[in-house]
Amino acid sequence: MYHGPKTTVDAIILEANESIVLIIRGNSPYQGQWALPGGFVELGEKVEDAVRREVKEETNLGVEIIKLSGVYSEPNRDPRGHTISIAYLCRRNNTSEILKGGSDAKEAKVFQREALKKLQLAFDHERIINEALEIADQEKLW
């Protein structure tokens, strides 16, 4: 039987005033650190459905996918083992939904771009965010 990397998804949720949504991780690894909402793709699930599900579970927000931001496959990016993360730029479906941490996220909060520089982020999320924000700027997605 083939044993390859696990697949995860991450969401870069674009908000007003060049802000994005982050969560505080409730579980290890990186418990208590800020991270992008996301998680493992379930067997039989499309990655697009997985990112919407994970965002809803962790932030209470429904999102629409704007576009693929990147694929991250560095074998040591996750201390639990080799994972490949598919990152998506997203936007809220409904601005009246209340942002709140849920599932394995202790808290969810919107951060302006400048404040992101002061945070220590889980995994390789700093790289994922920086590359996604470059795309958002180039394509005028704000």
Foldseek 3Di string as FASTA:
>chain_A
DDDDAFEKEFEFEADPQQKTKWFQFQDDDNHRFIETQMTGADPPGDNLVRHQVSCCQFWVFGKDFPAWQDKDFDQPLHVVTTYIYTYTYIYTPDPVGHTFGHDRTHGMDMDHPVVVVVGDHHGVRVVSVVSSVVVCVVVVVD
